[in-house]
């Protein structure tokens, strides 16, 4: 069954000459503006396959991880791109999401130049074009604020129920929360020697899917690695000394 996909338009600000170039490519290629814009960005930004992370320059910079269908998985900054990616805490997640994930990056003199770069960009005279399926920083901030508001509403409701003596309802609300603390689960000697991947461990401690686990992260406002280690009692470390590949192993 086909899914109905809704789209919304947002405004992208860019120099007028870029707008003219985009319009020209739309006419020549018969592609929509979104595909043209994404193609231009992909071709103009340095990038490499995620398994080639050792080839990143040892420079300060901003980086982002994206899939072949242009889904952004992560955005970050680093004092040294190569060092940062020697042991990135979400590397396994990126591989599991898409083996064709790529790392795009911008090299900077220093990471703390980021604010001034943004200010300079915003100060330039801009024209606007309409596109879709792109999310602005302001929109992302609104989502974060809405999530924080929902968490506060839940806490307020729970406190009110407890004060009214509705303990049964209050207990049901607590029971509906994702788990905290070490969970009861079993493993064998081979698994303790060879370790478990992120996705394997997520299922072993009781989550039906990675999406279910990440929803729990949002509720508790926790980092994913810290949450996995809390629930399992295992810790993330290299599979062997000197290796950049990591798995979860029993704490020593």
Protein backbone atom coordinates (compact mmCIF):
# COMPACT_ATOMS: atom_id res chain seq x y z
CA UNK A 1 0.00 0.00 0.00
CA UNK A 2 1.43 3.32 -0.99
CA UNK A 3 1.86 5.95 1.72
CA UNK A 4 0.53 9.43 1.27
CA UNK A 5 3.52 11.74 1.63
CA UNK A 6 2.82 15.30 2.66
CA UNK A 7 5.22 18.11 1.90
CA UNK A 8 5.62 21.63 3.13
CA UNK A 9 7.39 24.63 1.69
CA UNK A 10 10.05 26.57 3.50
CA UNK A 11 12.22 29.51 2.49
CA UNK A 12 15.89 29.02 1.69
CA UNK A 13 18.02 32.16 1.66
CA UNK A 14 20.86 32.37 -0.85
CA UNK A 15 22.56 34.89 -3.18
CA UNK A 16 20.53 35.91 -6.24
CA UNK A 17 23.11 34.48 -8.68
CA UNK A 18 22.65 31.07 -7.07
CA UNK A 19 18.89 31.36 -7.53
CA UNK A 20 19.44 32.08 -11.25
CA UNK A 21 21.73 29.06 -11.55
CA UNK A 22 19.18 26.81 -9.83
CA UNK A 23 16.38 27.99 -12.13
CA UNK A 24 18.57 27.34 -15.17
CA UNK A 25 19.40 23.79 -14.06
CA UNK A 26 15.73 23.08 -13.35
CA UNK A 27 14.89 24.00 -16.95
CA UNK A 28 17.80 22.01 -18.41
CA UNK A 29 17.42 18.84 -16.34
CA UNK A 30 13.62 18.87 -15.83
CA UNK A 31 14.28 18.01 -12.16
CA UNK A 32 12.51 19.72 -9.28
CA UNK A 33 14.25 22.44 -7.29
CA UNK A 34 14.88 20.24 -4.26
CA UNK A 35 16.83 17.66 -6.31
CA UNK A 36 18.81 20.40 -8.05
CA UNK A 37 19.71 22.11 -4.75
CA UNK A 38 20.73 18.83 -3.08
CA UNK A 39 22.82 17.89 -6.11
CA UNK A 40 24.62 21.24 -6.09
CA UNK A 41 25.35 20.95 -2.38
CA UNK A 42 26.56 17.37 -2.66
CA UNK A 43 28.95 18.25 -5.50
CA UNK A 44 30.36 21.33 -3.78
CA UNK A 45 30.99 19.91 -0.29
CA UNK A 46 33.96 17.58 0.39
CA UNK A 47 32.78 14.13 1.41
CA UNK A 48 33.93 10.54 1.68
CA UNK A 49 32.44 7.13 2.36
CA UNK A 50 32.01 6.50 6.08
CA UNK A 51 34.41 3.53 5.99
CA UNK A 52 37.11 5.91 4.70
CA UNK A 53 36.99 8.07 7.84
CA UNK A 54 40.74 7.67 8.36
CA UNK A 55 41.21 9.89 5.28
CA UNK A 56 39.57 12.88 6.96
CA UNK A 57 41.94 15.84 7.34
CA UNK A 58 43.47 16.40 10.81
CA UNK A 59 41.85 19.85 10.93
CA UNK A 60 39.11 21.61 12.87
CA UNK A 61 35.76 21.51 11.14
CA UNK A 62 32.04 20.89 10.95
CA UNK A 63 30.86 17.49 9.74
CA UNK A 64 27.57 15.78 8.92
CA UNK A 65 26.60 12.19 8.10
CA UNK A 66 24.03 11.54 5.39
CA UNK A 67 22.53 8.64 3.45
CA UNK A 68 22.28 8.26 -0.36
CA UNK A 69 18.68 9.54 -0.21
CA UNK A 70 19.99 12.72 1.49
CA UNK A 71 18.72 11.95 4.99
CA UNK A 72 20.90 13.73 7.56
CA UNK A 73 21.83 11.33 10.38
CA UNK A 74 24.11 13.55 12.45
CA UNK A 75 25.74 16.99 12.55
CA UNK A 76 28.73 17.85 14.75
CA UNK A 77 31.95 19.82 15.08
CA UNK A 78 35.45 18.75 16.02
CA UNK A 79 38.82 20.27 16.91
CA UNK A 80 40.37 17.50 14.80
CA UNK A 81 38.12 15.71 12.29
CA UNK A 82 40.35 12.65 11.91
CA UNK A 83 40.83 12.16 15.65
CA UNK A 84 37.12 12.65 16.29
CA UNK A 85 36.25 9.91 13.81
CA UNK A 86 38.84 7.44 15.09
CA UNK A 87 36.30 6.51 17.77
CA UNK A 88 33.00 8.22 16.97
CA UNK A 89 30.38 7.01 19.48
CA UNK A 90 27.68 6.61 16.81
CA UNK A 91 29.77 4.96 14.09
CA UNK A 92 28.05 1.58 14.48
CA UNK A 93 24.64 3.26 14.26
CA UNK A 94 25.59 4.99 10.99
CA UNK A 95 26.78 1.69 9.48
CA UNK A 96 23.62 -0.11 10.57
CA UNK A 97 21.41 2.66 9.16
CA UNK A 98 23.10 2.64 5.75
CA UNK A 99 26.34 1.04 4.58
CA UNK A 100 26.48 3.79 1.96
CA UNK A 101 26.48 6.64 4.49
CA UNK A 102 28.90 9.45 3.73
CA UNK A 103 30.67 12.09 5.82
CA UNK A 104 30.50 15.63 4.48
CA UNK A 105 32.68 18.26 6.10
CA UNK A 106 33.80 21.90 6.14
CA UNK A 107 37.35 22.65 7.32
CA UNK A 108 37.75 25.70 9.60
CA UNK A 109 40.76 27.48 11.10
CA UNK A 110 39.24 26.85 14.53
CA UNK A 111 35.92 25.40 15.65
CA UNK A 112 35.22 28.51 17.73
CA UNK A 113 35.06 30.48 14.45
CA UNK A 114 31.67 28.88 13.80
CA UNK A 115 29.60 31.70 15.32
CA UNK A 116 31.37 34.38 13.29
CA UNK A 117 30.95 32.34 10.09
CA UNK A 118 27.21 32.07 10.70
CA UNK A 119 26.97 35.82 11.40
CA UNK A 120 28.84 36.62 8.19
CA UNK A 121 26.53 34.36 6.18
CA UNK A 122 23.41 35.97 7.69
CA UNK A 123 24.70 39.45 6.91
CA UNK A 124 24.97 38.85 3.15
CA UNK A 125 22.19 40.16 0.86
CA UNK A 126 19.99 37.23 -0.01
CA UNK A 127 17.25 36.21 -2.41
CA UNK A 128 14.76 33.48 -1.57
CA UNK A 129 13.43 30.39 -3.26
CA UNK A 130 10.83 27.85 -2.15
CA UNK A 131 11.67 24.21 -1.64
CA UNK A 132 10.47 21.28 0.46
CA UNK A 133 11.61 18.47 2.75
CA UNK A 134 14.38 20.57 4.33
CA UNK A 135 14.38 21.52 8.02
CA UNK A 136 15.77 24.80 9.31
CA UNK A 137 17.56 25.28 12.62
CA UNK A 138 14.63 27.38 13.87
CA UNK A 139 12.18 24.57 13.11
CA UNK A 140 14.39 22.06 14.88
CA UNK A 141 14.56 24.33 17.92
CA UNK A 142 10.74 24.54 17.98
CA UNK A 143 10.54 20.74 18.03
CA UNK A 144 12.97 20.60 20.96
CA UNK A 145 10.95 23.22 22.85
CA UNK A 146 7.72 21.29 22.21
CA UNK A 147 9.31 18.09 23.52
CA UNK A 148 10.49 19.89 26.68
CA UNK A 149 6.98 21.29 27.15
CA UNK A 150 5.41 17.84 26.83
CA UNK A 151 7.82 16.43 29.42
CA UNK A 152 6.92 19.23 31.83
CA UNK A 153 3.20 18.65 31.25
CA UNK A 154 3.63 14.96 32.07
CA UNK A 155 5.49 15.78 35.29
CA UNK A 156 2.84 18.32 36.33
CA UNK A 157 0.02 15.86 35.66
CA UNK A 158 1.78 13.09 37.57
CA UNK A 159 2.44 15.34 40.59
CA UNK A 160 -1.21 16.43 40.62
CA UNK A 161 -2.44 12.82 40.54
CA UNK A 162 -0.13 11.85 43.38
CA UNK A 163 -1.36 14.76 45.52
CA UNK A 164 -4.98 13.73 44.93
CA UNK A 165 -4.20 10.26 46.20
CA UNK A 166 -4.88 8.57 42.87
CA UNK A 167 -2.02 6.18 43.47
CA UNK A 168 -3.28 3.48 41.12
CA UNK A 169 -3.36 5.83 38.13
CA UNK A 170 -0.03 7.34 39.15
CA UNK A 171 1.55 3.89 39.32
CA UNK A 172 0.26 3.08 35.85
CA UNK A 173 1.83 6.26 34.50
CA UNK A 174 5.17 5.33 36.06
CA UNK A 175 4.90 1.82 34.61
CA UNK A 176 4.44 3.31 31.12
CA UNK A 177 7.79 5.09 31.27
CA UNK A 178 10.80 3.50 29.51
CA UNK A 179 13.09 1.53 31.85
CA UNK A 180 15.91 3.00 33.91
CA UNK A 181 18.66 1.15 35.74
CA UNK A 182 20.26 -2.18 34.94
CA UNK A 183 17.89 -4.70 33.34
CA UNK A 184 17.83 -8.46 33.84
CA UNK A 185 19.14 -10.22 30.73
CA UNK A 186 21.34 -13.21 29.92
CA UNK A 187 24.39 -13.79 27.75
CA UNK A 188 26.86 -16.61 27.16
CA UNK A 189 30.65 -16.84 27.34
CA UNK A 190 31.12 -16.40 23.60
CA UNK A 191 29.12 -13.16 23.61
CA UNK A 192 31.10 -11.83 26.56
CA UNK A 193 34.36 -12.58 24.68
CA UNK A 194 33.31 -11.24 21.26
CA UNK A 195 31.01 -8.46 22.46
CA UNK A 196 27.66 -7.27 21.13
CA UNK A 197 26.79 -4.51 18.66
CA UNK A 198 24.59 -1.57 19.57
CA UNK A 199 21.52 -3.00 17.84
CA UNK A 200 22.03 -6.47 19.34
CA UNK A 201 22.32 -5.08 22.86
CA UNK A 202 19.28 -2.82 22.42
CA UNK A 203 17.12 -5.86 21.68
CA UNK A 204 18.66 -7.94 24.45
CA UNK A 205 17.75 -5.40 27.15
CA UNK A 206 14.11 -5.37 26.07
CA UNK A 207 13.48 -2.97 23.17
CA UNK A 208 11.56 -4.21 20.15
CA UNK A 209 13.39 -1.92 17.71
CA UNK A 210 16.02 0.80 17.45
CA UNK A 211 13.22 3.35 16.98
CA UNK A 212 11.61 2.28 20.26
CA UNK A 213 14.97 2.69 21.99
CA UNK A 214 15.52 6.17 20.55
CA UNK A 215 12.03 7.23 21.68
CA UNK A 216 13.07 6.22 25.21
CA UNK A 217 16.21 8.37 24.86
CA UNK A 218 14.01 11.39 24.11
CA UNK A 219 11.80 10.78 27.14
CA UNK A 220 14.76 10.53 29.51
CA UNK A 221 16.98 13.11 27.70
CA UNK A 222 19.95 10.71 27.78
CA UNK A 223 22.90 10.00 25.49
CA UNK A 224 22.45 6.68 23.70
CA UNK A 225 25.72 5.05 24.78
CA UNK A 226 25.24 6.04 28.42
CA UNK A 227 21.69 4.66 28.37
CA UNK A 228 22.75 1.33 26.83
CA UNK A 229 25.54 0.97 29.38
CA UNK A 230 23.13 1.76 32.23
CA UNK A 231 20.55 -0.80 31.09
CA UNK A 232 23.02 -3.58 30.27
CA UNK A 233 25.86 -3.09 32.72
CA UNK A 234 28.24 -3.45 29.73
CA UNK A 235 30.53 -0.75 28.32
CA UNK A 236 31.63 0.31 24.84
CA UNK A 237 35.27 -0.30 23.94
CA UNK A 238 37.46 -1.37 20.97
CA UNK A 239 37.17 -5.03 19.93
CA UNK A 240 40.93 -5.29 20.41
CA UNK A 241 43.79 -3.03 21.39
CA UNK A 242 44.47 -0.39 18.74
CA UNK A 243 41.31 -1.14 16.74
CA UNK A 244 38.87 1.60 15.73
CA UNK A 245 35.98 -0.90 15.70
CA UNK A 246 34.00 -0.99 18.90
CA UNK A 247 31.48 -3.28 20.62
CA UNK A 248 29.92 -3.61 24.04
CA UNK A 249 31.61 -5.90 26.58
CA UNK A 250 31.00 -6.78 30.24
CA UNK A 251 32.53 -4.19 32.56
CA UNK A 252 35.81 -5.28 34.00
